[in-house]
Amino acid sequence: MSDPLSAALAATVQSARLARDLSASALAERSGVSRAMIGKIERGEAQPTAALLGRLSAALGMTLSELVARAEADEPRLVRAADQPTWTDPVSGYRRRAVSPSAGGPLELVDVVLPPGAEVSYAADVYAFIHQQIWVLEGQLRFREGDLVHELGPGDCLRLGPAEPCVYVNPSSADCHYLVAIAKRRV
C-alpha cells in the first residue's frame, strides 16, 4: 500500500473484526465480501473500493466515516482542514474527506468529490443504522435510492428514506462536490 491511511485502514478493519469476536468467515458472511478479499485487505495486499468498505463497515456496525476516522490515531475535538483524513476510491476516483473529529458524537460530516462520469454503489445494509442527508455544493448528482432517482444540483439537499441500495452518479463532465451529514439511528 502506498499511503499511510490505506495501511491504517487495513489494520482498523482487522482490529474492528477481532474486537467483535468475528472470524474472517463470519465477517464475510455478514458483509457479502469474500473471506479471501477480507484477508487481502487486512494484510494490505488490496486497496478496497468505497462500496467494499461500505459493506465491511456496515457488517462491523459502524459507518464508513467511523472506519476511516479510527484509522487515524488521534481523537481531538478540533480537526484542522489539513489534518482531516482523505481517502480516494481506487476504482472510481471518488474522494471522501472525514470533516468531523473522530472522537465520536451523534453527527458525522463527510466532504465528497465525485469525478465526472463516476458511479459508486452501496448495498442497503450500509444505510440500515444511519440517517443521512446529502447537500450538493457544486455540480450535478444523480442519486438512485432503490427504484427512485433524484437529480440534484447546487444547493439541493436530500434526506434519505428507508434503507435501500443506493448509487451515486455524476452524469456531468465536471466534478460533483457534496457534503454528507450522517447521524446514527437510536437502537
C-alpha atoms as a PDB file:
ATOM      1  CA  MET A   1       0.000   0.000   0.000  1.00  0.00           C
ATOM      2  CA  SER A   2       1.316   3.369  -0.961  1.00  0.00           C
ATOM      3  CA  ASP A   3      -0.213   5.696   1.621  1.00  0.00           C
ATOM      4  CA  PRO A   4      -0.366   5.564   5.426  1.00  0.00           C
ATOM      5  CA  LEU A   5      -4.177   5.882   5.569  1.00  0.00           C
ATOM      6  CA  SER A   6      -4.656   2.773   3.408  1.00  0.00           C
ATOM      7  CA  ALA A   7      -2.313   0.784   5.663  1.00  0.00           C
ATOM      8  CA  ALA A   8      -4.127   2.122   8.736  1.00  0.00           C
ATOM      9  CA  LEU A   9      -7.491   1.155   7.192  1.00  0.00           C
ATOM     10  CA  ALA A  10      -6.245  -2.415   6.756  1.00  0.00           C
ATOM     11  CA  ALA A  11      -5.277  -2.605  10.438  1.00  0.00           C
ATOM     12  CA  THR A  12      -8.521  -0.924  11.505  1.00  0.00           C
ATOM     13  CA  VAL A  13     -10.710  -3.429   9.626  1.00  0.00           C
ATOM     14  CA  GLN A  14      -8.844  -6.285  11.278  1.00  0.00           C
ATOM     15  CA  SER A  15      -8.944  -4.788  14.785  1.00  0.00           C
ATOM     16  CA  ALA A  16     -12.677  -3.965  14.454  1.00  0.00           C
ATOM     17  CA  ARG A  17     -13.355  -7.539  13.328  1.00  0.00           C
ATOM     18  CA  LEU A  18     -11.365  -9.011  16.223  1.00  0.00           C
ATOM     19  CA  ALA A  19     -12.946  -6.616  18.759  1.00  0.00           C
ATOM     20  CA  ARG A  20     -16.338  -8.006  17.737  1.00  0.00           C
ATOM     21  CA  ASP A  21     -15.019 -11.564  18.070  1.00  0.00           C
ATOM     22  CA  LEU A  22     -15.709 -12.257  14.405  1.00  0.00           C
ATOM     23  CA  SER A  23     -13.751 -14.673  12.278  1.00  0.00           C
ATOM     24  CA  ALA A  24     -12.925 -13.627   8.727  1.00  0.00           C
ATOM     25  CA  SER A  25     -15.547 -16.176   7.616  1.00  0.00           C
ATOM     26  CA  ALA A  26     -18.225 -14.618   9.850  1.00  0.00           C
ATOM     27  CA  LEU A  27     -17.410 -11.127   8.558  1.00  0.00           C
ATOM     28  CA  ALA A  28     -17.533 -12.475   5.007  1.00  0.00           C
ATOM     29  CA  GLU A  29     -20.982 -13.944   5.639  1.00  0.00           C
ATOM     30  CA  ARG A  30     -22.290 -10.717   7.228  1.00  0.00           C
ATOM     31  CA  SER A  31     -20.825  -8.390   4.588  1.00  0.00           C
ATOM     32  CA  GLY A  32     -21.052 -10.415   1.389  1.00  0.00           C
ATOM     33  CA  VAL A  33     -17.312  -9.795   0.862  1.00  0.00           C
ATOM     34  CA  SER A  34     -15.284 -12.935   0.238  1.00  0.00           C
ATOM     35  CA  ARG A  35     -13.069 -14.278   3.007  1.00  0.00           C
ATOM     36  CA  ALA A  36     -10.113 -14.145   0.617  1.00  0.00           C
ATOM     37  CA  MET A  37     -10.703 -10.442  -0.106  1.00  0.00           C
ATOM     38  CA  ILE A  38     -11.029  -9.662   3.602  1.00  0.00           C
ATOM     39  CA  GLY A  39      -7.685 -11.385   4.156  1.00  0.00           C
ATOM     40  CA  LYS A  40      -6.068  -9.364   1.358  1.00  0.00           C
ATOM     41  CA  ILE A  41      -7.478  -6.121   2.771  1.00  0.00           C
ATOM     42  CA  GLU A  42      -6.309  -6.912   6.305  1.00  0.00           C
ATOM     43  CA  ARG A  43      -2.819  -7.841   5.061  1.00  0.00           C
ATOM     44  CA  GLY A  44      -2.645  -4.655   2.996  1.00  0.00           C
ATOM     45  CA  GLU A  45      -2.449  -6.579  -0.275  1.00  0.00           C
ATOM     46  CA  ALA A  46      -5.599  -4.994  -1.753  1.00  0.00           C
ATOM     47  CA  GLN A  47      -6.986  -1.489  -1.549  1.00  0.00           C
ATOM     48  CA  PRO A  48     -10.751  -1.757  -1.071  1.00  0.00           C
ATOM     49  CA  THR A  49     -13.240   0.290  -3.053  1.00  0.00           C
ATOM     50  CA  ALA A  50     -15.747   2.612  -1.398  1.00  0.00           C
ATOM     51  CA  ALA A  51     -18.534   0.075  -1.940  1.00  0.00           C
ATOM     52  CA  LEU A  52     -16.498  -2.725  -0.384  1.00  0.00           C
ATOM     53  CA  LEU A  53     -15.518  -0.606   2.638  1.00  0.00           C
ATOM     54  CA  GLY A  54     -19.167   0.387   2.998  1.00  0.00           C
ATOM     55  CA  ARG A  55     -20.215  -3.263   3.162  1.00  0.00           C
ATOM     56  CA  LEU A  56     -17.473  -4.116   5.663  1.00  0.00           C
ATOM     57  CA  SER A  57     -18.179  -1.126   7.898  1.00  0.00           C
ATOM     58  CA  ALA A  58     -21.919  -1.898   7.937  1.00  0.00           C
ATOM     59  CA  ALA A  59     -21.221  -5.532   8.835  1.00  0.00           C
ATOM     60  CA  LEU A  60     -18.991  -4.268  11.658  1.00  0.00           C
ATOM     61  CA  GLY A  61     -21.795  -1.975  12.897  1.00  0.00           C
ATOM     62  CA  MET A  62     -20.027   1.267  12.034  1.00  0.00           C
ATOM     63  CA  THR A  63     -20.257   3.958   9.387  1.00  0.00           C
ATOM     64  CA  LEU A  64     -17.640   4.310   6.686  1.00  0.00           C
ATOM     65  CA  SER A  65     -16.637   7.622   8.277  1.00  0.00           C
ATOM     66  CA  GLU A  66     -16.083   5.888  11.635  1.00  0.00           C
ATOM     67  CA  LEU A  67     -13.902   3.300   9.973  1.00  0.00           C
ATOM     68  CA  VAL A  68     -11.798   5.986   8.271  1.00  0.00           C
ATOM     69  CA  ALA A  69     -11.658   8.043  11.476  1.00  0.00           C
ATOM     70  CA  ARG A  70     -10.499   5.059  13.541  1.00  0.00           C
ATOM     71  CA  ALA A  71      -7.692   4.566  11.054  1.00  0.00           C
ATOM     72  CA  GLU A  72      -6.447   7.921  12.305  1.00  0.00           C
ATOM     73  CA  ALA A  73      -4.834   7.512  15.743  1.00  0.00           C
ATOM     74  CA  ASP A  74      -5.757  10.845  17.349  1.00  0.00           C
ATOM     75  CA  GLU A  75      -9.213  11.760  18.596  1.00  0.00           C
ATOM     76  CA  PRO A  76      -9.179  15.550  19.030  1.00  0.00           C
ATOM     77  CA  ARG A  77     -12.321  17.679  19.215  1.00  0.00           C
ATOM     78  CA  LEU A  78     -10.844  20.076  16.651  1.00  0.00           C
ATOM     79  CA  VAL A  79      -9.530  18.749  13.373  1.00  0.00           C
ATOM     80  CA  ARG A  80      -7.897  21.310  11.103  1.00  0.00           C
ATOM     81  CA  ALA A  81      -8.718  21.018   7.401  1.00  0.00           C
ATOM     82  CA  ALA A  82      -5.157  19.945   6.618  1.00  0.00           C
ATOM     83  CA  ASP A  83      -5.441  17.100   9.156  1.00  0.00           C
ATOM     84  CA  GLN A  84      -8.788  15.688   8.054  1.00  0.00           C
ATOM     85  CA  PRO A  85      -8.250  12.198   6.631  1.00  0.00           C
ATOM     86  CA  THR A  86      -8.948  11.885   2.920  1.00  0.00           C
ATOM     87  CA  TRP A  87      -9.463   8.605   1.124  1.00  0.00           C
ATOM     88  CA  THR A  88      -9.727   8.010  -2.621  1.00  0.00           C
ATOM     89  CA  ASP A  89     -11.551   5.034  -4.125  1.00  0.00           C
ATOM     90  CA  PRO A  90      -9.013   3.344  -6.424  1.00  0.00           C
ATOM     91  CA  VAL A  91     -11.684   2.415  -8.987  1.00  0.00           C
ATOM     92  CA  SER A  92     -13.955   5.456  -9.320  1.00  0.00           C
ATOM     93  CA  GLY A  93     -11.622   8.222  -8.141  1.00  0.00           C
ATOM     94  CA  TYR A  94     -14.284   9.206  -5.564  1.00  0.00           C
ATOM     95  CA  ARG A  95     -12.607  11.279  -2.823  1.00  0.00           C
ATOM     96  CA  ARG A  96     -14.052  11.485   0.678  1.00  0.00           C
ATOM     97  CA  ARG A  97     -12.730  13.674   3.469  1.00  0.00           C
ATOM     98  CA  ALA A  98     -13.831  12.961   7.035  1.00  0.00           C
ATOM     99  CA  VAL A  99     -14.565  16.516   8.205  1.00  0.00           C
ATOM    100  CA  SER A 100     -15.821  15.658  11.703  1.00  0.00           C
ATOM    101  CA  PRO A 101     -13.470  14.905  14.581  1.00  0.00           C
ATOM    102  CA  SER A 102     -13.264  11.171  15.181  1.00  0.00           C
ATOM    103  CA  ALA A 103     -13.935  11.482  18.927  1.00  0.00           C
ATOM    104  CA  GLY A 104     -17.478  10.271  18.498  1.00  0.00           C
ATOM    105  CA  GLY A 105     -20.640  12.234  18.723  1.00  0.00           C
ATOM    106  CA  PRO A 106     -24.036  11.800  17.142  1.00  0.00           C
ATOM    107  CA  LEU A 107     -23.191  13.558  13.853  1.00  0.00           C
ATOM    108  CA  GLU A 108     -20.597  12.995  11.127  1.00  0.00           C
ATOM    109  CA  LEU A 109     -19.831  15.310   8.231  1.00  0.00           C
ATOM    110  CA  VAL A 110     -18.173  13.962   5.108  1.00  0.00           C
ATOM    111  CA  ASP A 111     -16.954  16.079   2.190  1.00  0.00           C
ATOM    112  CA  VAL A 112     -17.087  14.203  -1.132  1.00  0.00           C
ATOM    113  CA  VAL A 113     -15.870  14.885  -4.667  1.00  0.00           C
ATOM    114  CA  LEU A 114     -17.275  12.535  -7.310  1.00  0.00           C
ATOM    115  CA  PRO A 115     -15.362  12.810 -10.613  1.00  0.00           C
ATOM    116  CA  PRO A 116     -17.145  13.228 -13.976  1.00  0.00           C
ATOM    117  CA  GLY A 117     -18.886  10.042 -15.077  1.00  0.00           C
ATOM    118  CA  ALA A 118     -18.075   8.231 -11.802  1.00  0.00           C
ATOM    119  CA  GLU A 119     -20.532   5.906 -10.094  1.00  0.00           C
ATOM    120  CA  VAL A 120     -20.380   4.478  -6.554  1.00  0.00           C
ATOM    121  CA  SER A 121     -22.874   1.878  -5.277  1.00  0.00           C
ATOM    122  CA  TYR A 122     -23.726   0.860  -1.733  1.00  0.00           C
ATOM    123  CA  ALA A 123     -25.892  -2.009  -0.523  1.00  0.00           C
ATOM    124  CA  ALA A 124     -28.971  -1.273   1.606  1.00  0.00           C
ATOM    125  CA  ASP A 125     -27.348  -2.629   4.778  1.00  0.00           C
ATOM    126  CA  VAL A 126     -24.871   0.277   4.709  1.00  0.00           C
ATOM    127  CA  TYR A 127     -27.813   2.576   5.498  1.00  0.00           C
ATOM    128  CA  ALA A 128     -29.610   0.304   7.974  1.00  0.00           C
ATOM    129  CA  PHE A 129     -28.471   2.072  11.133  1.00  0.00           C
ATOM    130  CA  ILE A 130     -27.943   5.671   9.977  1.00  0.00           C
ATOM    131  CA  HIS A 131     -29.904   8.769   8.972  1.00  0.00           C
ATOM    132  CA  GLN A 132     -28.247  10.580   6.091  1.00  0.00           C
ATOM    133  CA  GLN A 133     -28.614  13.833   4.181  1.00  0.00           C
ATOM    134  CA  ILE A 134     -26.785  14.857   1.011  1.00  0.00           C
ATOM    135  CA  TRP A 135     -26.184  18.538   0.249  1.00  0.00           C
ATOM    136  CA  VAL A 136     -24.804  19.289  -3.211  1.00  0.00           C
ATOM    137  CA  LEU A 137     -22.310  22.171  -3.181  1.00  0.00           C
ATOM    138  CA  GLU A 138     -21.194  22.143  -6.828  1.00  0.00           C
ATOM    139  CA  GLY A 139     -22.034  20.122  -9.930  1.00  0.00           C
ATOM    140  CA  GLN A 140     -24.742  17.571 -10.605  1.00  0.00           C
ATOM    141  CA  LEU A 141     -25.550  14.394  -8.692  1.00  0.00           C
ATOM    142  CA  ARG A 142     -27.901  11.647  -9.818  1.00  0.00           C
ATOM    143  CA  PHE A 143     -28.758   9.670  -6.713  1.00  0.00           C
ATOM    144  CA  ARG A 144     -30.575   6.358  -7.085  1.00  0.00           C
ATOM    145  CA  GLU A 145     -32.285   5.176  -3.919  1.00  0.00           C
ATOM    146  CA  GLY A 146     -33.809   1.807  -4.716  1.00  0.00           C
ATOM    147  CA  ASP A 147     -36.076   2.473  -7.725  1.00  0.00           C
ATOM    148  CA  LEU A 148     -36.285   6.217  -7.027  1.00  0.00           C
ATOM    149  CA  VAL A 149     -33.957   8.600  -8.908  1.00  0.00           C
ATOM    150  CA  HIS A 150     -33.158  12.067  -7.561  1.00  0.00           C
ATOM    151  CA  GLU A 151     -31.488  14.670  -9.798  1.00  0.00           C
ATOM    152  CA  LEU A 152     -29.661  17.128  -7.529  1.00  0.00           C
ATOM    153  CA  GLY A 153     -27.912  20.404  -8.344  1.00  0.00           C
ATOM    154  CA  PRO A 154     -26.044  23.046  -6.327  1.00  0.00           C
ATOM    155  CA  GLY A 155     -27.851  23.896  -3.086  1.00  0.00           C
ATOM    156  CA  ASP A 156     -30.194  20.888  -3.227  1.00  0.00           C
ATOM    157  CA  CYS A 157     -30.403  18.766  -0.076  1.00  0.00           C
ATOM    158  CA  LEU A 158     -31.860  15.250   0.091  1.00  0.00           C
ATOM    159  CA  ARG A 159     -32.794  13.308   3.230  1.00  0.00           C
ATOM    160  CA  LEU A 160     -32.562   9.595   2.515  1.00  0.00           C
ATOM    161  CA  GLY A 161     -35.566   7.401   3.146  1.00  0.00           C
ATOM    162  CA  PRO A 162     -35.635   3.818   4.450  1.00  0.00           C
ATOM    163  CA  ALA A 163     -32.556   1.689   3.802  1.00  0.00           C
ATOM    164  CA  GLU A 164     -32.332   0.867   0.076  1.00  0.00           C
ATOM    165  CA  PRO A 165     -29.462   0.019  -2.270  1.00  0.00           C
ATOM    166  CA  CYS A 166     -28.074   3.403  -3.369  1.00  0.00           C
ATOM    167  CA  VAL A 167     -25.973   4.628  -6.281  1.00  0.00           C
ATOM    168  CA  TYR A 168     -24.209   7.989  -6.503  1.00  0.00           C
ATOM    169  CA  VAL A 169     -23.674   9.017 -10.149  1.00  0.00           C
ATOM    170  CA  ASN A 170     -22.024  12.102 -11.570  1.00  0.00           C
ATOM    171  CA  PRO A 171     -23.681  12.401 -15.006  1.00  0.00           C
ATOM    172  CA  SER A 172     -21.796  15.574 -15.943  1.00  0.00           C
ATOM    173  CA  SER A 173     -18.375  16.445 -17.339  1.00  0.00           C
ATOM    174  CA  ALA A 174     -17.344  18.346 -14.166  1.00  0.00           C
ATOM    175  CA  ASP A 175     -16.667  17.251 -10.582  1.00  0.00           C
ATOM    176  CA  CYS A 176     -19.652  16.939  -8.254  1.00  0.00           C
ATOM    177  CA  HIS A 177     -18.867  18.236  -4.770  1.00  0.00           C
ATOM    178  CA  TYR A 178     -21.275  17.412  -1.954  1.00  0.00           C
ATOM    179  CA  LEU A 179     -21.478  17.154   1.805  1.00  0.00           C
ATOM    180  CA  VAL A 180     -22.964  14.142   3.568  1.00  0.00           C
ATOM    181  CA  ALA A 181     -24.360  14.501   7.098  1.00  0.00           C
ATOM    182  CA  ILE A 182     -24.718  11.199   8.946  1.00  0.00           C
ATOM    183  CA  ALA A 183     -26.415  10.518  12.266  1.00  0.00           C
ATOM    184  CA  LYS A 184     -26.684   7.097  13.852  1.00  0.00           C
ATOM    185  CA  ARG A 185     -30.191   5.770  14.423  1.00  0.00           C
ATOM    186  CA  ARG A 186     -31.121   5.078  18.024  1.00  0.00           C
ATOM    187  CA  VAL A 187     -31.319   1.363  18.610  1.00  0.00           C
END
